[in-house]
Amino acid sequence: MGRNILLITTDQMRYDALGCTGGKVARTPRIDALAANGINYSRAHNQCVTCMPARASIITGQYPATHGVWTNGVPLPEDAPSVARELGNAGYKTALIGKAHFEPWLSPPGFYENDMAKKGETGPHRGFDRMELANHFMTGNFHYDQLMLGEHKDKIGGFYPMVTPEGRQNHIGGADTGAIQCWVNDMPKELYHTDWVADRVISFLDALDTDQDWFIWMSFPDPHHPWDPPASEIDRVNWRDLDLPELYAATTEDREKLLEQKPRHWKGAWDGSLRTNFEFPPNFRPADLTDDQVREINAMNHIENEMIDDACGRVFDRINERGWDGQTDIFFTTDHGELQGDFGLMFKGAFHVDALMRLPFLWRPAPDANVTPDALADPVAHIDLAPTFCSIAGLDVPEWMEGSPLPQSAVEAQAQNRETVLTGWDSEHKNSDDPDKQKLSLSLRTITTTDYVATAYLPGSIYKGNEGELYDLRDDPLQKVNLWNDPKYTSIQSDLLATMKDMWPAEAAERRKQIAPA
């Protein structure tokens, strides 16, 4: 028997959400133990800060420019390269349980991810022998939805009404403070999708022979908004006890000054004058948030993260009970972060700072491999996961993968010349419902090193192409002071942009069509 692989992802989790990554609120002892007994990568970045491109990079090991999912709503072709397919061909049993999102949700019929549950099927698909899918809001399309509709229909009304009849994100609030997309969910914990994901992973494990190699992607829909955990769990974190985020400035005037350091779409997102992506609900102005609403949104995130930790613990225990722990590699990460009050903003968008780009990223190597635990600050990326899985399985890394196996020590990282990581953003979005208004185009290209973050803005409908952001992480780890136009940093900026240009993969002459907004 070889080494088994458990990949755990969350959706929209900040780097500092966990105890092992500096979090001070959510209690995450089972995930923290992975870091204590494994490798904690403190400068891991995604290749895009939205769901579909990021998840496509995880499964393919490719940059968005290569796999073609340039924004949400662009489907990854069914025959696209897949690390699950590589492992399956090598004899692994493979499963993806939870959120997939390689195909658009809010789309016309015909995408198998949206149809398989209603057909009573679980795959195979994209190299996974089994898929059982869930989402962070009820669409009726997925396996979890079908379970709830069939056996617990009386509980569905507890979920936040995420999408309006017009197909737009809802902006209504609830819970104690009326905070946007905060909701008290009259749902028993054991029926909530976090526990369901763990239940279905355990069921898959229980059906395997002891000597069967396996790869499981356990993909939790939380803590992505809406924030509607079961009412029974609300007392885990009292929002009234929370401090405001460090990057949530004390006054409206201070928040405005902070945003004026940055290109204009930042302040436009805050005051509602310039919306550049679907993920910012219409009719929502972050400038109108109260301090208590920010606290409650943060508390809901922490609650959902604690529930994820509990669910992971149940799966870890079953792996141990089956006698597999010694030969099982466990990975934990997320697709992208959440602003969660930083710079006065919420949700996600074209904002290339730690809140969205930087990831919790842990690898607990199989104990039988005798890898020494470590904490590494060298840059690593989503595209490095698939090659690492191949390496664990004893497979050659396919040429189509653009990442490299993750380093297990500082010496390995130095030998691999781990100095940079790339992140991009592309979007086309209407700023209003006016049918005569053109879509706003926005493209960002970012290079991150251990010392700097540099983001170049490409020409489009908002920017001319000479704008950007530059942060010195040594003096400004929170990325508050934009040095793009500081003449003292001209040479550094030029060197970073030249390196990025040399490293950036070739862009397709024509983008794939965006089928839906998400």
Protein backbone atom coordinates (compact mmCIF):
# COMPACT_ATOMS: atom_id res chain seq x y z
CA MET A 1 0.00 0.00 0.00
CA GLY A 2 1.20 3.52 -0.85
CA ARG A 3 0.48 6.86 0.79
CA ASN A 4 -3.07 8.20 0.94
CA ILE A 5 -3.85 11.87 0.33
CA LEU A 6 -6.52 13.97 2.05
CA LEU A 7 -6.87 17.49 0.64
CA ILE A 8 -9.04 19.74 2.82
CA THR A 9 -10.20 23.06 1.42
CA THR A 10 -12.49 25.69 2.82
CA ASP A 11 -14.09 28.51 0.86
CA GLN A 12 -13.12 32.13 1.44
CA MET A 13 -11.05 31.67 4.62
CA ARG A 14 -8.53 34.29 5.70
CA TYR A 15 -4.92 33.41 6.40
CA ASP A 16 -5.31 34.45 10.04
CA ALA A 17 -8.45 32.37 10.65
CA LEU A 18 -6.67 29.55 12.50
CA GLY A 19 -4.76 29.39 15.75
CA CYS A 20 -1.68 28.09 13.93
CA THR A 21 -1.68 31.08 11.55
CA GLY A 22 -2.07 33.77 14.20
CA GLY A 23 -5.82 33.71 14.81
CA LYS A 24 -6.87 34.64 18.34
CA VAL A 25 -10.61 33.90 18.32
CA ALA A 26 -11.68 30.66 16.63
CA ARG A 27 -10.56 27.51 18.45
CA THR A 28 -9.10 25.16 15.83
CA PRO A 29 -7.08 22.54 17.75
CA ARG A 30 -7.42 19.71 15.23
CA ILE A 31 -6.21 21.81 12.28
CA ASP A 32 -3.53 23.43 14.45
CA ALA A 33 -2.19 19.94 15.17
CA LEU A 34 -1.54 19.48 11.44
CA ALA A 35 0.78 22.49 11.56
CA ALA A 36 2.48 21.33 14.76
CA ASN A 37 3.21 17.93 13.21
CA GLY A 38 3.82 19.09 9.66
CA ILE A 39 4.82 22.06 7.55
CA ASN A 40 3.19 25.46 7.91
CA TYR A 41 3.74 27.61 4.81
CA SER A 42 3.32 31.22 5.89
CA ARG A 43 3.63 32.83 2.45
CA ALA A 44 1.28 30.74 0.31
CA HIS A 45 -0.74 32.55 -2.35
CA ASN A 46 -3.48 31.68 -4.79
CA GLN A 47 -3.27 32.38 -8.51
CA CYS A 48 -6.65 34.14 -8.48
CA VAL A 49 -8.73 35.51 -5.61
CA THR A 50 -12.08 34.11 -6.80
CA CYS A 51 -13.48 30.60 -6.51
CA MET A 52 -13.58 29.06 -9.98
CA PRO A 53 -10.15 30.14 -11.25
CA ALA A 54 -8.54 29.18 -7.94
CA ARG A 55 -10.14 25.74 -7.83
CA ALA A 56 -9.23 25.12 -11.45
CA SER A 57 -5.60 25.87 -10.54
CA ILE A 58 -5.73 23.36 -7.68
CA ILE A 59 -7.01 20.48 -9.81
CA THR A 60 -4.84 21.22 -12.88
CA GLY A 61 -1.67 22.61 -11.31
CA GLN A 62 -1.89 25.40 -13.89
CA TYR A 63 -2.18 29.17 -13.95
CA PRO A 64 -5.53 30.64 -15.04
CA ALA A 65 -3.87 31.87 -18.24
CA THR A 66 -3.23 28.22 -19.10
CA HIS A 67 -6.39 26.44 -17.90
CA GLY A 68 -8.54 29.28 -19.26
CA VAL A 69 -10.87 29.91 -16.28
CA TRP A 70 -10.13 33.63 -16.14
CA THR A 71 -13.07 34.58 -13.91
CA ASN A 72 -16.07 33.08 -12.15
CA GLY A 73 -18.69 31.75 -14.53
CA VAL A 74 -16.19 30.37 -17.05
CA PRO A 75 -16.39 26.54 -17.04
CA LEU A 76 -13.29 24.38 -16.88
CA PRO A 77 -13.60 21.95 -19.82
CA GLU A 78 -14.54 18.44 -18.72
CA ASP A 79 -11.46 17.02 -20.42
CA ALA A 80 -9.11 19.53 -18.79
CA PRO A 81 -6.04 18.06 -17.08
CA SER A 82 -6.83 16.71 -13.61
CA VAL A 83 -4.55 15.46 -10.84
CA ALA A 84 -7.44 13.24 -9.72
CA ARG A 85 -7.35 11.51 -13.10
CA GLU A 86 -3.57 11.01 -12.79
CA LEU A 87 -3.98 9.42 -9.36
CA GLY A 88 -6.94 7.32 -10.49
CA ASN A 89 -4.91 5.95 -13.39
CA ALA A 90 -2.26 4.94 -10.84
CA GLY A 91 -4.78 2.88 -8.86
CA TYR A 92 -6.08 5.40 -6.34
CA LYS A 93 -9.77 5.54 -5.45
CA THR A 94 -10.73 9.20 -5.76
CA ALA A 95 -13.54 11.34 -4.39
CA LEU A 96 -14.52 14.99 -4.12
CA ILE A 97 -17.02 15.65 -1.34
CA GLY A 98 -18.48 19.13 -0.81
CA LYS A 99 -17.96 22.17 -3.03
CA ALA A 100 -16.52 21.60 -6.52
CA HIS A 101 -17.35 24.73 -8.57
CA PHE A 102 -15.48 23.89 -11.76
CA GLU A 103 -18.70 24.70 -13.64
CA PRO A 104 -20.99 27.75 -13.25
CA TRP A 105 -23.82 27.51 -10.75
CA LEU A 106 -26.09 30.28 -12.03
CA SER A 107 -26.11 28.86 -15.55
CA PRO A 108 -28.30 27.20 -18.17
CA PRO A 109 -28.86 23.43 -17.86
CA GLY A 110 -26.28 21.05 -19.23
CA PHE A 111 -23.40 21.20 -16.75
CA TYR A 112 -22.94 17.82 -15.11
CA GLU A 113 -22.01 19.22 -11.69
CA ASN A 114 -25.41 20.91 -11.57
CA ASP A 115 -27.32 17.93 -12.95
CA MET A 116 -25.78 14.79 -11.46
CA ALA A 117 -27.61 14.85 -8.12
CA LYS A 118 -31.00 15.26 -9.79
CA LYS A 119 -30.10 12.29 -12.00
CA GLY A 120 -29.25 10.21 -8.94
CA GLU A 121 -25.59 10.00 -10.03
CA THR A 122 -22.27 10.57 -8.28
CA GLY A 123 -19.88 10.53 -11.23
CA PRO A 124 -17.36 9.58 -12.36
CA HIS A 125 -16.34 13.10 -13.32
CA ARG A 126 -13.03 14.92 -13.87
CA GLY A 127 -11.07 11.90 -12.63
CA PHE A 128 -13.08 11.51 -9.43
CA ASP A 129 -14.72 8.12 -9.00
CA ARG A 130 -17.27 9.76 -6.75
CA MET A 131 -18.57 13.28 -6.35
CA GLU A 132 -21.12 14.30 -3.72
CA LEU A 133 -21.62 18.04 -3.90
CA ALA A 134 -22.82 20.87 -1.70
CA ASN A 135 -22.88 24.65 -1.84
CA HIS A 136 -23.01 27.48 0.71
CA PHE A 137 -26.58 28.31 -0.31
CA MET A 138 -29.50 26.23 -1.53
CA THR A 139 -29.83 26.00 -5.31
CA GLY A 140 -31.56 22.61 -5.39
CA ASN A 141 -28.88 21.27 -7.75
CA PHE A 142 -26.52 19.38 -5.50
CA HIS A 143 -26.53 16.15 -3.48
CA TYR A 144 -26.86 17.99 -0.18
CA ASP A 145 -29.73 20.06 -1.60
CA GLN A 146 -31.51 16.95 -2.81
CA LEU A 147 -31.17 15.34 0.61
CA MET A 148 -32.65 18.41 2.28
CA LEU A 149 -35.47 18.73 -0.26
CA GLY A 150 -36.32 15.06 0.04
CA GLU A 151 -36.01 14.41 3.77
CA HIS A 152 -35.78 17.75 5.61
CA LYS A 153 -37.72 20.22 3.52
CA ASP A 154 -39.06 21.95 6.63
CA LYS A 155 -35.51 23.08 7.50
CA ILE A 156 -34.55 24.65 4.19
CA GLY A 157 -36.19 27.96 5.03
CA GLY A 158 -33.54 28.56 7.68
CA PHE A 159 -30.86 29.28 5.10
CA TYR A 160 -30.14 32.84 4.00
CA PRO A 161 -31.91 33.72 0.69
CA MET A 162 -28.63 34.25 -1.16
CA VAL A 163 -29.90 34.98 -4.67
CA THR A 164 -32.77 37.33 -5.49
CA PRO A 165 -35.43 36.40 -8.08
CA GLU A 166 -33.53 38.66 -10.48
CA GLY A 167 -30.41 36.48 -10.11
CA ARG A 168 -28.44 39.01 -8.09
CA GLN A 169 -26.75 38.69 -4.72
CA ASN A 170 -29.04 39.57 -1.86
CA HIS A 171 -28.03 42.42 0.43
CA ILE A 172 -30.56 42.08 3.25
CA GLY A 173 -29.26 41.61 6.78
CA GLY A 174 -30.36 39.78 9.87
CA ALA A 175 -29.10 38.30 13.16
CA ASP A 176 -28.59 40.82 16.00
CA THR A 177 -27.14 43.79 14.12
CA GLY A 178 -28.80 43.56 10.71
CA ALA A 179 -25.38 42.94 9.14
CA ILE A 180 -25.49 42.03 5.46
CA GLN A 181 -25.89 38.27 4.85
CA CYS A 182 -25.80 37.43 8.57
CA TRP A 183 -28.62 35.08 9.43
CA VAL A 184 -29.91 32.93 12.27
CA ASN A 185 -30.43 29.48 10.78
CA ASP A 186 -32.95 27.19 12.44
CA MET A 187 -31.01 24.14 11.33
CA PRO A 188 -29.82 21.26 13.52
CA LYS A 189 -26.04 21.12 13.49
CA GLU A 190 -26.02 17.52 12.32
CA LEU A 191 -27.94 18.53 9.16
CA TYR A 192 -25.78 21.54 8.30
CA HIS A 193 -23.54 21.11 5.25
CA THR A 194 -20.28 21.23 7.26
CA ASP A 195 -21.23 18.09 9.18
CA TRP A 196 -22.73 16.55 6.03
CA VAL A 197 -19.40 16.87 4.19
CA ALA A 198 -17.59 15.07 7.01
CA ASP A 199 -20.32 12.39 7.16
CA ARG A 200 -20.03 11.66 3.45
CA VAL A 201 -16.21 11.52 3.57
CA ILE A 202 -16.42 9.02 6.42
CA SER A 203 -18.94 6.99 4.44
CA PHE A 204 -16.57 6.89 1.46
CA LEU A 205 -13.67 5.82 3.69
CA ASP A 206 -15.74 3.10 5.32
CA ALA A 207 -16.48 1.54 1.92
CA LEU A 208 -12.78 1.14 1.04
CA ASP A 209 -10.66 -1.95 1.57
CA THR A 210 -7.89 -1.44 4.10
CA ASP A 211 -5.14 -1.88 1.49
CA GLN A 212 -6.73 0.51 -1.06
CA ASP A 213 -4.84 3.74 -1.86
CA TRP A 214 -7.12 6.77 -1.90
CA PHE A 215 -7.24 10.49 -2.68
CA ILE A 216 -10.07 12.54 -1.19
CA TRP A 217 -10.74 16.23 -1.69
CA MET A 218 -12.89 17.25 1.32
CA SER A 219 -14.21 20.67 0.32
CA PHE A 220 -16.19 22.67 2.88
CA PRO A 221 -18.52 25.41 1.54
CA ASP A 222 -17.94 27.62 4.61
CA PRO A 223 -16.90 30.20 5.77
CA HIS A 224 -17.96 31.83 2.47
CA HIS A 225 -20.86 34.21 2.89
CA PRO A 226 -23.76 34.12 3.60
CA TRP A 227 -22.96 33.65 7.25
CA ASP A 228 -25.84 31.51 8.47
CA PRO A 229 -24.52 28.82 10.83
CA PRO A 230 -26.97 26.78 12.93
CA ALA A 231 -28.58 28.77 15.73
CA SER A 232 -27.34 26.19 18.25
CA GLU A 233 -23.75 27.23 17.51
CA ILE A 234 -24.11 31.01 17.81
CA ASP A 235 -22.95 31.03 21.44
CA ARG A 236 -19.51 29.75 20.43
CA VAL A 237 -18.38 33.34 19.81
CA ASN A 238 -20.10 36.43 21.22
CA TRP A 239 -19.70 39.22 18.68
CA ARG A 240 -19.91 41.80 21.48
CA ASP A 241 -16.60 40.54 22.86
CA LEU A 242 -14.64 41.02 19.65
CA ASP A 243 -12.16 43.73 18.82
CA LEU A 244 -12.50 45.39 15.44
CA PRO A 245 -10.01 44.20 12.77
CA GLU A 246 -6.62 45.88 12.88
CA LEU A 247 -7.12 47.20 9.35
CA TYR A 248 -10.61 48.56 10.07
CA ALA A 249 -9.66 52.16 10.79
CA ALA A 250 -11.19 53.88 13.78
CA THR A 251 -13.28 56.50 11.97
CA THR A 252 -14.98 56.90 8.62
CA GLU A 253 -12.51 59.66 7.79
CA ASP A 254 -9.55 57.42 8.60
CA ARG A 255 -10.95 54.62 6.43
CA GLU A 256 -11.40 57.08 3.58
CA LYS A 257 -7.80 58.29 3.89
CA LEU A 258 -6.53 54.72 3.89
CA LEU A 259 -8.45 53.93 0.71
CA GLU A 260 -7.19 57.05 -1.02
CA GLN A 261 -3.71 55.48 -0.91
CA LYS A 262 -4.93 52.94 -3.43
CA PRO A 263 -6.26 52.99 -7.02
CA ARG A 264 -9.76 54.40 -7.28
CA HIS A 265 -11.79 51.19 -7.53
CA TRP A 266 -10.92 50.51 -3.87
CA LYS A 267 -12.75 53.61 -2.66
CA GLY A 268 -15.42 53.06 -5.31
CA ALA A 269 -16.19 49.65 -3.80
CA TRP A 270 -16.37 51.21 -0.33
CA ASP A 271 -18.74 54.05 -1.18
CA GLY A 272 -20.72 52.11 -3.79
CA SER A 273 -19.78 54.33 -6.73
CA LEU A 274 -17.73 51.72 -8.62
CA ARG A 275 -18.56 48.01 -8.52
CA THR A 276 -16.15 45.88 -10.48
CA ASN A 277 -17.33 42.35 -9.71
CA PHE A 278 -20.45 40.29 -9.03
CA GLU A 279 -19.27 39.31 -5.55
CA PHE A 280 -20.09 42.81 -4.25
CA PRO A 281 -23.90 42.79 -3.90
CA PRO A 282 -25.78 45.65 -5.50
CA ASN A 283 -27.25 48.17 -3.07
CA PHE A 284 -24.50 47.39 -0.54
CA ARG A 285 -22.15 50.14 0.55
CA PRO A 286 -19.45 48.98 2.97
CA ALA A 287 -19.18 52.62 4.05
CA ASP A 288 -22.57 52.17 5.76
CA LEU A 289 -21.46 49.27 7.96
CA THR A 290 -21.55 49.88 11.69
CA ASP A 291 -18.78 48.74 14.01
CA ASP A 292 -21.10 46.18 15.57
CA GLN A 293 -22.04 44.77 12.17
CA VAL A 294 -18.34 44.26 11.40
CA ARG A 295 -17.96 42.51 14.74
CA GLU A 296 -20.93 40.22 14.08
CA ILE A 297 -19.74 39.27 10.59
CA ASN A 298 -16.37 38.37 12.06
CA ALA A 299 -18.00 36.34 14.82
CA MET A 300 -20.03 34.35 12.29
CA ASN A 301 -16.82 33.55 10.40
CA HIS A 302 -15.14 32.33 13.57
CA ILE A 303 -18.13 30.15 14.43
CA GLU A 304 -18.11 28.50 11.03
CA ASN A 305 -14.34 27.94 11.25
CA GLU A 306 -14.72 26.20 14.61
CA MET A 307 -17.36 23.92 13.11
CA ILE A 308 -14.99 23.06 10.26
CA ASP A 309 -12.31 22.14 12.79
CA ASP A 310 -14.75 19.84 14.60
CA ALA A 311 -15.71 18.18 11.30
CA CYS A 312 -12.06 17.67 10.33
CA GLY A 313 -11.44 16.05 13.70
CA ARG A 314 -14.13 13.46 13.09
CA VAL A 315 -12.55 12.52 9.75
CA PHE A 316 -9.05 12.38 11.27
CA ASP A 317 -10.35 10.05 13.96
CA ARG A 318 -11.90 7.70 11.41
CA ILE A 319 -8.68 7.61 9.37
CA ASN A 320 -6.84 6.63 12.55
CA GLU A 321 -9.46 4.01 13.45
CA ARG A 322 -8.98 2.42 10.02
CA GLY A 323 -5.24 2.19 10.64
CA TRP A 324 -4.36 4.65 7.87
CA ASP A 325 -2.95 7.64 9.73
CA GLY A 326 0.70 6.60 9.46
CA GLN A 327 0.56 6.53 5.66
CA THR A 328 -1.81 9.47 5.07
CA ASP A 329 -0.67 12.93 3.94
CA ILE A 330 -3.10 15.66 4.96
CA PHE A 331 -3.23 19.08 3.31
CA PHE A 332 -5.28 22.06 4.47
CA THR A 333 -5.87 25.29 2.57
CA THR A 334 -8.58 27.50 1.06
CA ASP A 335 -9.34 28.91 -2.38
CA HIS A 336 -9.05 32.59 -1.40
CA GLY A 337 -9.52 34.92 1.54
CA GLU A 338 -12.15 37.37 2.75
CA LEU A 339 -11.76 41.10 3.41
CA GLN A 340 -13.81 40.83 6.61
CA GLY A 341 -13.54 44.53 7.45
CA ASP A 342 -9.99 45.19 6.23
CA PHE A 343 -9.79 48.67 4.67
CA GLY A 344 -13.50 49.03 5.52
CA LEU A 345 -14.47 46.40 2.90
CA MET A 346 -16.26 43.03 2.88
CA PHE A 347 -16.38 39.99 0.58
CA LYS A 348 -13.78 39.78 -2.22
CA GLY A 349 -12.80 41.44 -5.47
CA ALA A 350 -9.87 42.98 -7.32
CA PHE A 351 -7.92 43.76 -4.17
CA HIS A 352 -4.51 42.10 -4.18
CA VAL A 353 -3.55 42.20 -0.53
CA ASP A 354 -3.05 39.52 2.13
CA ALA A 355 -6.73 39.43 3.06
CA LEU A 356 -7.53 37.76 -0.30
CA MET A 357 -4.26 36.40 -1.71
CA ARG A 358 -2.55 34.90 1.34
CA LEU A 359 -3.73 31.43 2.34
CA PRO A 360 -3.59 29.13 5.32
CA PHE A 361 -1.50 26.33 3.82
CA LEU A 362 -0.55 23.23 5.81
CA TRP A 363 0.91 19.85 4.94
CA ARG A 364 1.05 17.09 7.52
CA PRO A 365 3.20 14.50 5.72
CA ALA A 366 2.43 10.86 6.43
CA PRO A 367 4.09 10.14 9.82
CA ASP A 368 5.70 7.01 8.38
CA ALA A 369 7.67 9.29 6.00
CA ASN A 370 9.55 10.78 8.99
CA VAL A 371 9.48 14.37 7.75
CA THR A 372 10.64 16.91 10.34
CA PRO A 373 7.97 19.55 11.16
CA ASP A 374 8.85 23.04 10.02
CA ALA A 375 7.52 26.54 9.33
CA LEU A 376 8.53 27.95 5.95
CA ALA A 377 8.21 31.56 4.79
CA ASP A 378 9.28 30.85 1.21
CA PRO A 379 6.57 31.62 -1.40
CA VAL A 380 4.44 28.63 -2.49
CA ALA A 381 1.21 28.44 -4.49
CA HIS A 382 -1.96 26.55 -5.35
CA ILE A 383 -0.29 25.25 -8.50
CA ASP A 384 2.21 23.37 -6.30
CA LEU A 385 -0.43 21.07 -4.80
CA ALA A 386 -1.05 18.81 -7.82
CA PRO A 387 2.67 18.16 -8.44
CA THR A 388 3.10 17.38 -4.74
CA PHE A 389 0.29 14.81 -4.89
CA CYS A 390 1.98 13.14 -7.86
CA SER A 391 5.29 13.08 -6.01
CA ILE A 392 3.68 11.48 -2.96
CA ALA A 393 2.14 8.81 -5.19
CA GLY A 394 5.49 8.06 -6.79
CA LEU A 395 4.42 9.48 -10.16
CA ASP A 396 6.37 11.67 -12.51
CA VAL A 397 5.02 15.22 -12.51
CA PRO A 398 3.22 15.70 -15.87
CA GLU A 399 4.67 18.35 -18.15
CA TRP A 400 1.35 20.20 -18.22
CA MET A 401 1.58 21.02 -14.51
CA GLU A 402 3.17 24.45 -13.99
CA GLY A 403 3.93 24.16 -10.27
CA SER A 404 6.56 22.13 -8.44
CA PRO A 405 6.41 19.69 -5.50
CA LEU A 406 6.29 21.63 -2.26
CA PRO A 407 9.53 21.98 -0.30
CA GLN A 408 9.69 20.11 2.99
CA SER A 409 12.50 22.21 4.47
CA ALA A 410 14.22 25.56 4.11
CA VAL A 411 17.10 23.80 2.35
CA GLU A 412 14.71 22.35 -0.25
CA ALA A 413 13.01 25.72 -0.70
CA GLN A 414 16.37 27.38 -1.32
CA ALA A 415 17.35 24.68 -3.79
CA GLN A 416 14.07 25.26 -5.65
CA ASN A 417 14.77 29.01 -5.78
CA ARG A 418 11.44 29.81 -4.14
CA GLU A 419 11.43 33.60 -4.42
CA THR A 420 8.17 34.65 -6.10
CA VAL A 421 4.51 33.80 -6.57
CA LEU A 422 2.10 35.19 -9.19
CA THR A 423 -1.58 36.17 -8.84
CA GLY A 424 -3.89 37.61 -11.48
CA TRP A 425 -7.33 39.12 -11.78
CA ASP A 426 -9.57 39.64 -14.81
CA SER A 427 -13.20 40.73 -14.77
CA GLU A 428 -15.92 42.31 -16.86
CA HIS A 429 -18.84 43.66 -14.87
CA LYS A 430 -21.62 46.21 -15.24
CA ASN A 431 -21.55 48.93 -12.63
CA SER A 432 -25.32 49.43 -12.89
CA ASP A 433 -28.53 47.93 -14.26
CA ASP A 434 -28.63 50.47 -17.08
CA PRO A 435 -28.78 48.37 -20.29
CA ASP A 436 -26.92 51.11 -22.15
CA LYS A 437 -23.95 50.94 -19.80
CA GLN A 438 -20.91 49.00 -20.97
CA LYS A 439 -19.20 46.38 -18.86
CA LEU A 440 -16.23 47.60 -16.85
CA SER A 441 -13.05 45.67 -17.59
CA LEU A 442 -10.37 45.28 -14.95
CA SER A 443 -7.11 43.29 -15.06
CA LEU A 444 -4.43 43.06 -12.37
CA ARG A 445 -1.07 41.26 -12.47
CA THR A 446 0.72 40.73 -9.16
CA ILE A 447 4.10 39.41 -8.09
CA THR A 448 4.81 38.67 -4.43
CA THR A 449 8.23 38.06 -2.92
CA THR A 450 9.26 37.71 0.70
CA ASP A 451 9.83 41.49 0.76
CA TYR A 452 7.41 43.10 -1.71
CA VAL A 453 3.99 42.94 -3.34
CA ALA A 454 3.77 44.69 -6.72
CA THR A 455 0.54 44.90 -8.73
CA ALA A 456 0.38 46.30 -12.25
CA TYR A 457 -2.96 47.46 -13.64
CA LEU A 458 -3.45 46.65 -17.31
CA PRO A 459 -5.24 49.08 -19.67
CA GLY A 460 -9.02 48.76 -19.55
CA SER A 461 -12.17 50.77 -19.04
CA ILE A 462 -11.10 51.97 -15.58
CA TYR A 463 -7.32 52.32 -15.77
CA LYS A 464 -4.89 53.55 -18.41
CA GLY A 465 -2.24 50.93 -17.62
CA ASN A 466 0.29 53.04 -15.72
CA GLU A 467 -1.38 52.62 -12.32
CA GLY A 468 -0.54 50.07 -9.66
CA GLU A 469 0.32 49.18 -6.10
CA LEU A 470 3.64 48.49 -4.40
CA TYR A 471 4.08 47.51 -0.77
CA ASP A 472 7.26 46.92 1.21
CA LEU A 473 6.32 43.98 3.46
CA ARG A 474 9.30 44.57 5.74
CA ASP A 475 8.14 48.04 6.82
CA ASP A 476 4.45 47.73 5.96
CA PRO A 477 3.25 44.14 6.48
CA LEU A 478 -0.38 45.30 6.48
CA GLN A 479 -0.02 46.87 3.01
CA LYS A 480 -1.33 50.29 3.97
CA VAL A 481 1.19 52.57 2.24
CA ASN A 482 1.17 52.37 -1.56
CA LEU A 483 4.68 53.12 -2.87
CA TRP A 484 3.85 52.82 -6.57
CA ASN A 485 4.53 56.49 -7.28
CA ASP A 486 7.37 56.89 -4.77
CA PRO A 487 10.54 57.76 -6.79
CA LYS A 488 12.74 56.01 -4.20
CA TYR A 489 11.18 52.70 -5.25
CA THR A 490 11.32 53.18 -9.03
CA SER A 491 14.19 50.74 -9.51
CA ILE A 492 12.65 48.10 -7.26
CA GLN A 493 9.30 48.45 -9.03
CA SER A 494 10.96 48.12 -12.42
CA ASP A 495 12.86 44.99 -11.40
CA LEU A 496 9.75 43.35 -9.96
CA LEU A 497 7.66 44.07 -13.04
CA ALA A 498 10.41 42.77 -15.33
CA THR A 499 10.62 39.55 -13.34
CA MET A 500 6.85 39.17 -13.46
CA LYS A 501 6.78 39.74 -17.21
CA ASP A 502 9.39 37.02 -17.71
CA MET A 503 7.53 34.55 -15.50
CA TRP A 504 3.94 35.23 -16.56
CA PRO A 505 2.49 32.39 -18.68
CA ALA A 506 1.30 33.10 -22.21
CA GLU A 507 -2.22 34.51 -22.37
CA ALA A 508 -4.77 33.07 -24.80
CA ALA A 509 -5.53 35.28 -27.80
CA GLU A 510 -9.25 34.92 -27.05
CA ARG A 511 -10.85 34.27 -23.68
CA ARG A 512 -13.39 31.55 -23.09
CA LYS A 513 -16.96 32.79 -22.78
CA GLN A 514 -18.30 33.66 -19.35
CA ILE A 515 -21.53 31.64 -19.12
CA ALA A 516 -22.84 33.03 -15.83
CA PRO A 517 -21.77 35.47 -13.09
CA ALA A 518 -20.81 32.65 -10.71
